[in-house]
Amino acid sequence: MAESVYKVIELIGTSTESWDKAAAVAIKLATKTLRDLRVAEVKQLDIQMKDGKLTYRAKLSVSFKYEKP
């Protein structure tokens, strides 16, 4: 097996519907700007409350493979 290097970044997705949707939003946007995503790990879930409205937030660690220059 060839040697590989991966980069890990942190993303926060938001949704007014659910934590699942918040995580999916973050991953969907990441796939538009990053290639070869490998693993997403949910690190934290919270809810932001403002004027009686809830916003679900999902903090993710996402890894992707570095490409050779």
PDB file of N, CA and C in Angstrom:
ATOM      1  N   MET A   1       0.829  -1.182   0.000  1.00  0.00           N
ATOM      2  CA  MET A   1       0.000   0.000   0.000  1.00  0.00           C
ATOM      3  C   MET A   1       0.869   1.239   0.000  1.00  0.00           C
ATOM      4  N   ALA A   2       0.521   2.214  -0.821  1.00  0.00           N
ATOM      5  CA  ALA A   2       1.283   3.454  -0.906  1.00  0.00           C
ATOM      6  C   ALA A   2       1.071   4.287   0.357  1.00  0.00           C
ATOM      7  N   GLU A   3       2.059   5.104   0.660  1.00  0.00           N
ATOM      8  CA  GLU A   3       1.957   5.984   1.816  1.00  0.00           C
ATOM      9  C   GLU A   3       1.064   7.169   1.477  1.00  0.00           C
ATOM     10  N   SER A   4       0.308   7.647   2.451  1.00  0.00           N
ATOM     11  CA  SER A   4      -0.616   8.748   2.228  1.00  0.00           C
ATOM     12  C   SER A   4      -0.541   9.750   3.364  1.00  0.00           C
ATOM     13  N   VAL A   5      -0.976  10.965   3.077  1.00  0.00           N
ATOM     14  CA  VAL A   5      -1.060  12.023   4.079  1.00  0.00           C
ATOM     15  C   VAL A   5      -2.461  12.599   4.016  1.00  0.00           C
ATOM     16  N   TYR A   6      -3.051  12.836   5.183  1.00  0.00           N
ATOM     17  CA  TYR A   6      -4.406  13.380   5.265  1.00  0.00           C
ATOM     18  C   TYR A   6      -4.402  14.652   6.082  1.00  0.00           C
ATOM     19  N   LYS A   7      -5.244  15.575   5.721  1.00  0.00           N
ATOM     20  CA  LYS A   7      -5.433  16.831   6.447  1.00  0.00           C
ATOM     21  C   LYS A   7      -6.777  16.759   7.163  1.00  0.00           C
ATOM     22  N   VAL A   8      -6.839  17.250   8.402  1.00  0.00           N
ATOM     23  CA  VAL A   8      -8.084  17.276   9.165  1.00  0.00           C
ATOM     24  C   VAL A   8      -8.455  18.737   9.414  1.00  0.00           C
ATOM     25  N   ILE A   9      -9.701  19.079   9.078  1.00  0.00           N
ATOM     26  CA  ILE A   9     -10.197  20.432   9.317  1.00  0.00           C
ATOM     27  C   ILE A   9     -11.470  20.353  10.154  1.00  0.00           C
ATOM     28  N   GLU A  10     -11.857  21.477  10.725  1.00  0.00           N
ATOM     29  CA  GLU A  10     -13.071  21.530  11.524  1.00  0.00           C
ATOM     30  C   GLU A  10     -14.111  22.372  10.785  1.00  0.00           C
ATOM     31  N   LEU A  11     -15.327  21.878  10.730  1.00  0.00           N
ATOM     32  CA  LEU A  11     -16.433  22.580  10.092  1.00  0.00           C
ATOM     33  C   LEU A  11     -17.606  22.648  11.063  1.00  0.00           C
ATOM     34  N   ILE A  12     -18.416  23.689  10.938  1.00  0.00           N
ATOM     35  CA  ILE A  12     -19.651  23.794  11.708  1.00  0.00           C
ATOM     36  C   ILE A  12     -20.788  24.029  10.729  1.00  0.00           C
ATOM     37  N   GLY A  13     -21.742  23.102  10.705  1.00  0.00           N
ATOM     38  CA  GLY A  13     -22.935  23.236   9.877  1.00  0.00           C
ATOM     39  C   GLY A  13     -24.108  23.650  10.746  1.00  0.00           C
ATOM     40  N   THR A  14     -25.051  24.388  10.152  1.00  0.00           N
ATOM     41  CA  THR A  14     -26.228  24.817  10.900  1.00  0.00           C
ATOM     42  C   THR A  14     -27.502  24.460  10.140  1.00  0.00           C
ATOM     43  N   SER A  15     -28.577  24.288  10.910  1.00  0.00           N
ATOM     44  CA  SER A  15     -29.882  23.980  10.332  1.00  0.00           C
ATOM     45  C   SER A  15     -30.972  24.371  11.334  1.00  0.00           C
ATOM     46  N   THR A  16     -32.105  24.772  10.825  1.00  0.00           N
ATOM     47  CA  THR A  16     -33.248  25.043  11.703  1.00  0.00           C
ATOM     48  C   THR A  16     -34.078  23.781  11.910  1.00  0.00           C
ATOM     49  N   GLU A  17     -33.696  22.663  11.251  1.00  0.00           N
ATOM     50  CA  GLU A  17     -34.468  21.417  11.313  1.00  0.00           C
ATOM     51  C   GLU A  17     -33.923  20.390  12.297  1.00  0.00           C
ATOM     52  N   SER A  18     -32.605  20.078  12.201  1.00  0.00           N
ATOM     53  CA  SER A  18     -32.053  18.998  13.030  1.00  0.00           C
ATOM     54  C   SER A  18     -30.531  19.016  13.005  1.00  0.00           C
ATOM     55  N   TRP A  19     -29.935  18.248  13.946  1.00  0.00           N
ATOM     56  CA  TRP A  19     -28.480  18.096  13.932  1.00  0.00           C
ATOM     57  C   TRP A  19     -28.029  17.296  12.714  1.00  0.00           C
ATOM     58  N   ASP A  20     -28.807  16.299  12.320  1.00  0.00           N
ATOM     59  CA  ASP A  20     -28.461  15.518  11.124  1.00  0.00           C
ATOM     60  C   ASP A  20     -28.350  16.428   9.905  1.00  0.00           C
ATOM     61  N   LYS A  21     -29.316  17.300   9.755  1.00  0.00           N
ATOM     62  CA  LYS A  21     -29.324  18.228   8.612  1.00  0.00           C
ATOM     63  C   LYS A  21     -28.138  19.192   8.701  1.00  0.00           C
ATOM     64  N   ALA A  22     -27.816  19.652   9.906  1.00  0.00           N
ATOM     65  CA  ALA A  22     -26.681  20.557  10.091  1.00  0.00           C
ATOM     66  C   ALA A  22     -25.374  19.886   9.655  1.00  0.00           C
ATOM     67  N   ALA A  23     -25.180  18.632  10.046  1.00  0.00           N
ATOM     68  CA  ALA A  23     -23.975  17.898   9.641  1.00  0.00           C
ATOM     69  C   ALA A  23     -23.951  17.691   8.131  1.00  0.00           C
ATOM     70  N   ALA A  24     -25.090  17.346   7.559  1.00  0.00           N
ATOM     71  CA  ALA A  24     -25.169  17.113   6.110  1.00  0.00           C
ATOM     72  C   ALA A  24     -24.860  18.383   5.325  1.00  0.00           C
ATOM     73  N   VAL A  25     -25.321  19.524   5.819  1.00  0.00           N
ATOM     74  CA  VAL A  25     -25.050  20.801   5.152  1.00  0.00           C
ATOM     75  C   VAL A  25     -23.543  21.066   5.103  1.00  0.00           C
ATOM     76  N   ALA A  26     -22.860  20.833   6.218  1.00  0.00           N
ATOM     77  CA  ALA A  26     -21.409  21.054   6.274  1.00  0.00           C
ATOM     78  C   ALA A  26     -20.674  20.140   5.302  1.00  0.00           C
ATOM     79  N   ILE A  27     -21.046  18.875   5.280  1.00  0.00           N
ATOM     80  CA  ILE A  27     -20.376  17.922   4.395  1.00  0.00           C
ATOM     81  C   ILE A  27     -20.675  18.227   2.932  1.00  0.00           C
ATOM     82  N   LYS A  28     -21.911  18.565   2.621  1.00  0.00           N
ATOM     83  CA  LYS A  28     -22.286  18.862   1.233  1.00  0.00           C
ATOM     84  C   LYS A  28     -21.484  20.039   0.690  1.00  0.00           C
ATOM     85  N   LEU A  29     -21.341  21.092   1.479  1.00  0.00           N
ATOM     86  CA  LEU A  29     -20.563  22.239   1.012  1.00  0.00           C
ATOM     87  C   LEU A  29     -19.083  21.882   0.888  1.00  0.00           C
ATOM     88  N   ALA A  30     -18.557  21.104   1.828  1.00  0.00           N
ATOM     89  CA  ALA A  30     -17.147  20.702   1.778  1.00  0.00           C
ATOM     90  C   ALA A  30     -16.842  19.902   0.515  1.00  0.00           C
ATOM     91  N   THR A  31     -17.780  19.067   0.066  1.00  0.00           N
ATOM     92  CA  THR A  31     -17.522  18.264  -1.146  1.00  0.00           C
ATOM     93  C   THR A  31     -17.430  19.129  -2.400  1.00  0.00           C
ATOM     94  N   LYS A  32     -17.923  20.363  -2.334  1.00  0.00           N
ATOM     95  CA  LYS A  32     -17.837  21.266  -3.500  1.00  0.00           C
ATOM     96  C   LYS A  32     -16.475  21.933  -3.613  1.00  0.00           C
ATOM     97  N   THR A  33     -15.741  22.018  -2.493  1.00  0.00           N
ATOM     98  CA  THR A  33     -14.454  22.709  -2.523  1.00  0.00           C
ATOM     99  C   THR A  33     -13.258  21.812  -2.197  1.00  0.00           C
ATOM    100  N   LEU A  34     -13.504  20.626  -1.651  1.00  0.00           N
ATOM    101  CA  LEU A  34     -12.435  19.695  -1.297  1.00  0.00           C
ATOM    102  C   LEU A  34     -12.635  18.380  -2.035  1.00  0.00           C
ATOM    103  N   ARG A  35     -11.531  17.761  -2.434  1.00  0.00           N
ATOM    104  CA  ARG A  35     -11.618  16.464  -3.102  1.00  0.00           C
ATOM    105  C   ARG A  35     -11.159  15.361  -2.160  1.00  0.00           C
ATOM    106  N   ASP A  36     -11.673  14.181  -2.422  1.00  0.00           N
ATOM    107  CA  ASP A  36     -11.233  12.970  -1.729  1.00  0.00           C
ATOM    108  C   ASP A  36     -11.472  13.027  -0.223  1.00  0.00           C
ATOM    109  N   LEU A  37     -12.681  13.466   0.163  1.00  0.00           N
ATOM    110  CA  LEU A  37     -13.038  13.441   1.585  1.00  0.00           C
ATOM    111  C   LEU A  37     -13.067  11.997   2.059  1.00  0.00           C
ATOM    112  N   ARG A  38     -12.591  11.756   3.272  1.00  0.00           N
ATOM    113  CA  ARG A  38     -12.480  10.397   3.777  1.00  0.00           C
ATOM    114  C   ARG A  38     -13.397  10.112   4.954  1.00  0.00           C
ATOM    115  N   VAL A  39     -13.280  10.899   6.023  1.00  0.00           N
ATOM    116  CA  VAL A  39     -14.019  10.623   7.252  1.00  0.00           C
ATOM    117  C   VAL A  39     -14.534  11.940   7.829  1.00  0.00           C
ATOM    118  N   ALA A  40     -15.759  11.907   8.349  1.00  0.00           N
ATOM    119  CA  ALA A  40     -16.298  13.037   9.099  1.00  0.00           C
ATOM    120  C   ALA A  40     -16.696  12.517  10.472  1.00  0.00           C
ATOM    121  N   GLU A  41     -16.233  13.185  11.506  1.00  0.00           N
ATOM    122  CA  GLU A  41     -16.532  12.778  12.875  1.00  0.00           C
ATOM    123  C   GLU A  41     -17.254  13.924  13.579  1.00  0.00           C
ATOM    124  N   VAL A  42     -18.418  13.634  14.138  1.00  0.00           N
ATOM    125  CA  VAL A  42     -19.152  14.647  14.889  1.00  0.00           C
ATOM    126  C   VAL A  42     -18.442  14.853  16.222  1.00  0.00           C
ATOM    127  N   LYS A  43     -18.023  16.083  16.478  1.00  0.00           N
ATOM    128  CA  LYS A  43     -17.290  16.400  17.700  1.00  0.00           C
ATOM    129  C   LYS A  43     -18.176  17.043  18.759  1.00  0.00           C
ATOM    130  N   GLN A  44     -19.166  17.826  18.301  1.00  0.00           N
ATOM    131  CA  GLN A  44     -20.002  18.535  19.270  1.00  0.00           C
ATOM    132  C   GLN A  44     -21.334  18.892  18.619  1.00  0.00           C
ATOM    133  N   LEU A  45     -22.398  18.805  19.397  1.00  0.00           N
ATOM    134  CA  LEU A  45     -23.727  19.232  18.969  1.00  0.00           C
ATOM    135  C   LEU A  45     -24.213  20.283  19.957  1.00  0.00           C
ATOM    136  N   ASP A  46     -24.787  21.367  19.435  1.00  0.00           N
ATOM    137  CA  ASP A  46     -25.393  22.352  20.319  1.00  0.00           C
ATOM    138  C   ASP A  46     -26.543  23.046  19.603  1.00  0.00           C
ATOM    139  N   ILE A  47     -27.267  23.845  20.354  1.00  0.00           N
ATOM    140  CA  ILE A  47     -28.397  24.588  19.808  1.00  0.00           C
ATOM    141  C   ILE A  47     -28.215  26.054  20.167  1.00  0.00           C
ATOM    142  N   GLN A  48     -28.344  26.901  19.161  1.00  0.00           N
ATOM    143  CA  GLN A  48     -28.308  28.339  19.383  1.00  0.00           C
ATOM    144  C   GLN A  48     -29.753  28.828  19.477  1.00  0.00           C
ATOM    145  N   MET A  49     -30.055  29.604  20.515  1.00  0.00           N
ATOM    146  CA  MET A  49     -31.426  30.088  20.724  1.00  0.00           C
ATOM    147  C   MET A  49     -31.434  31.603  20.600  1.00  0.00           C
ATOM    148  N   LYS A  50     -32.318  32.096  19.723  1.00  0.00           N
ATOM    149  CA  LYS A  50     -32.418  33.547  19.543  1.00  0.00           C
ATOM    150  C   LYS A  50     -33.860  33.899  19.222  1.00  0.00           C
ATOM    151  N   ASP A  51     -34.440  34.779  20.020  1.00  0.00           N
ATOM    152  CA  ASP A  51     -35.818  35.231  19.819  1.00  0.00           C
ATOM    153  C   ASP A  51     -36.797  34.062  19.722  1.00  0.00           C
ATOM    154  N   GLY A  52     -36.596  33.027  20.537  1.00  0.00           N
ATOM    155  CA  GLY A  52     -37.493  31.884  20.551  1.00  0.00           C
ATOM    156  C   GLY A  52     -37.297  30.907  19.406  1.00  0.00           C
ATOM    157  N   LYS A  53     -36.306  31.135  18.555  1.00  0.00           N
ATOM    158  CA  LYS A  53     -36.040  30.243  17.423  1.00  0.00           C
ATOM    159  C   LYS A  53     -34.778  29.434  17.710  1.00  0.00           C
ATOM    160  N   LEU A  54     -34.793  28.173  17.280  1.00  0.00           N
ATOM    161  CA  LEU A  54     -33.666  27.275  17.498  1.00  0.00           C
ATOM    162  C   LEU A  54     -32.873  27.074  16.215  1.00  0.00           C
ATOM    163  N   THR A  55     -31.558  27.069  16.355  1.00  0.00           N
ATOM    164  CA  THR A  55     -30.667  26.705  15.252  1.00  0.00           C
ATOM    165  C   THR A  55     -29.772  25.574  15.749  1.00  0.00           C
ATOM    166  N   TYR A  56     -29.866  24.425  15.107  1.00  0.00           N
ATOM    167  CA  TYR A  56     -29.040  23.263  15.449  1.00  0.00           C
ATOM    168  C   TYR A  56     -27.671  23.445  14.813  1.00  0.00           C
ATOM    169  N   ARG A  57     -26.620  23.165  15.591  1.00  0.00           N
ATOM    170  CA  ARG A  57     -25.258  23.287  15.081  1.00  0.00           C
ATOM    171  C   ARG A  57     -24.500  21.980  15.313  1.00  0.00           C
ATOM    172  N   ALA A  58     -23.793  21.539  14.291  1.00  0.00           N
ATOM    173  CA  ALA A  58     -22.973  20.327  14.379  1.00  0.00           C
ATOM    174  C   ALA A  58     -21.535  20.683  14.021  1.00  0.00           C
ATOM    175  N   LYS A  59     -20.627  20.440  14.976  1.00  0.00           N
ATOM    176  CA  LYS A  59     -19.204  20.671  14.724  1.00  0.00           C
ATOM    177  C   LYS A  59     -18.586  19.348  14.303  1.00  0.00           C
ATOM    178  N   LEU A  60     -17.912  19.343  13.145  1.00  0.00           N
ATOM    179  CA  LEU A  60     -17.343  18.125  12.578  1.00  0.00           C
ATOM    180  C   LEU A  60     -15.845  18.261  12.365  1.00  0.00           C
ATOM    181  N   SER A  61     -15.132  17.170  12.530  1.00  0.00           N
ATOM    182  CA  SER A  61     -13.754  17.053  12.042  1.00  0.00           C
ATOM    183  C   SER A  61     -13.847  16.255  10.746  1.00  0.00           C
ATOM    184  N   VAL A  62     -13.306  16.812   9.680  1.00  0.00           N
ATOM    185  CA  VAL A  62     -13.384  16.189   8.354  1.00  0.00           C
ATOM    186  C   VAL A  62     -11.976  15.986   7.828  1.00  0.00           C
ATOM    187  N   SER A  63     -11.697  14.803   7.307  1.00  0.00           N
ATOM    188  CA  SER A  63     -10.370  14.544   6.743  1.00  0.00           C
ATOM    189  C   SER A  63     -10.450  14.349   5.235  1.00  0.00           C
ATOM    190  N   PHE A  64      -9.389  14.788   4.567  1.00  0.00           N
ATOM    191  CA  PHE A  64      -9.260  14.588   3.131  1.00  0.00           C
ATOM    192  C   PHE A  64      -7.810  14.303   2.796  1.00  0.00           C
ATOM    193  N   LYS A  65      -7.597  13.640   1.714  1.00  0.00           N
ATOM    194  CA  LYS A  65      -6.270  13.189   1.304  1.00  0.00           C
ATOM    195  C   LYS A  65      -5.518  14.306   0.592  1.00  0.00           C
ATOM    196  N   TYR A  66      -4.272  14.522   0.994  1.00  0.00           N
ATOM    197  CA  TYR A  66      -3.404  15.453   0.269  1.00  0.00           C
ATOM    198  C   TYR A  66      -3.011  14.836  -1.057  1.00  0.00           C
ATOM    199  N   GLU A  67      -2.948  15.642  -2.078  1.00  0.00           N
ATOM    200  CA  GLU A  67      -2.496  15.171  -3.396  1.00  0.00           C
ATOM    201  C   GLU A  67      -1.031  15.528  -3.587  1.00  0.00           C
ATOM    202  N   LYS A  68      -0.342  14.711  -4.320  1.00  0.00           N
ATOM    203  CA  LYS A  68       1.055  15.007  -4.635  1.00  0.00           C
ATOM    204  C   LYS A  68       1.107  16.201  -5.585  1.00  0.00           C
ATOM    205  N   PRO A  69       2.057  17.107  -5.348  1.00  0.00           N
ATOM    206  CA  PRO A  69       2.185  18.291  -6.242  1.00  0.00           C
ATOM    207  C   PRO A  69       2.672  17.911  -7.625  1.00  0.00           C
TER     208      PRO A  69
END
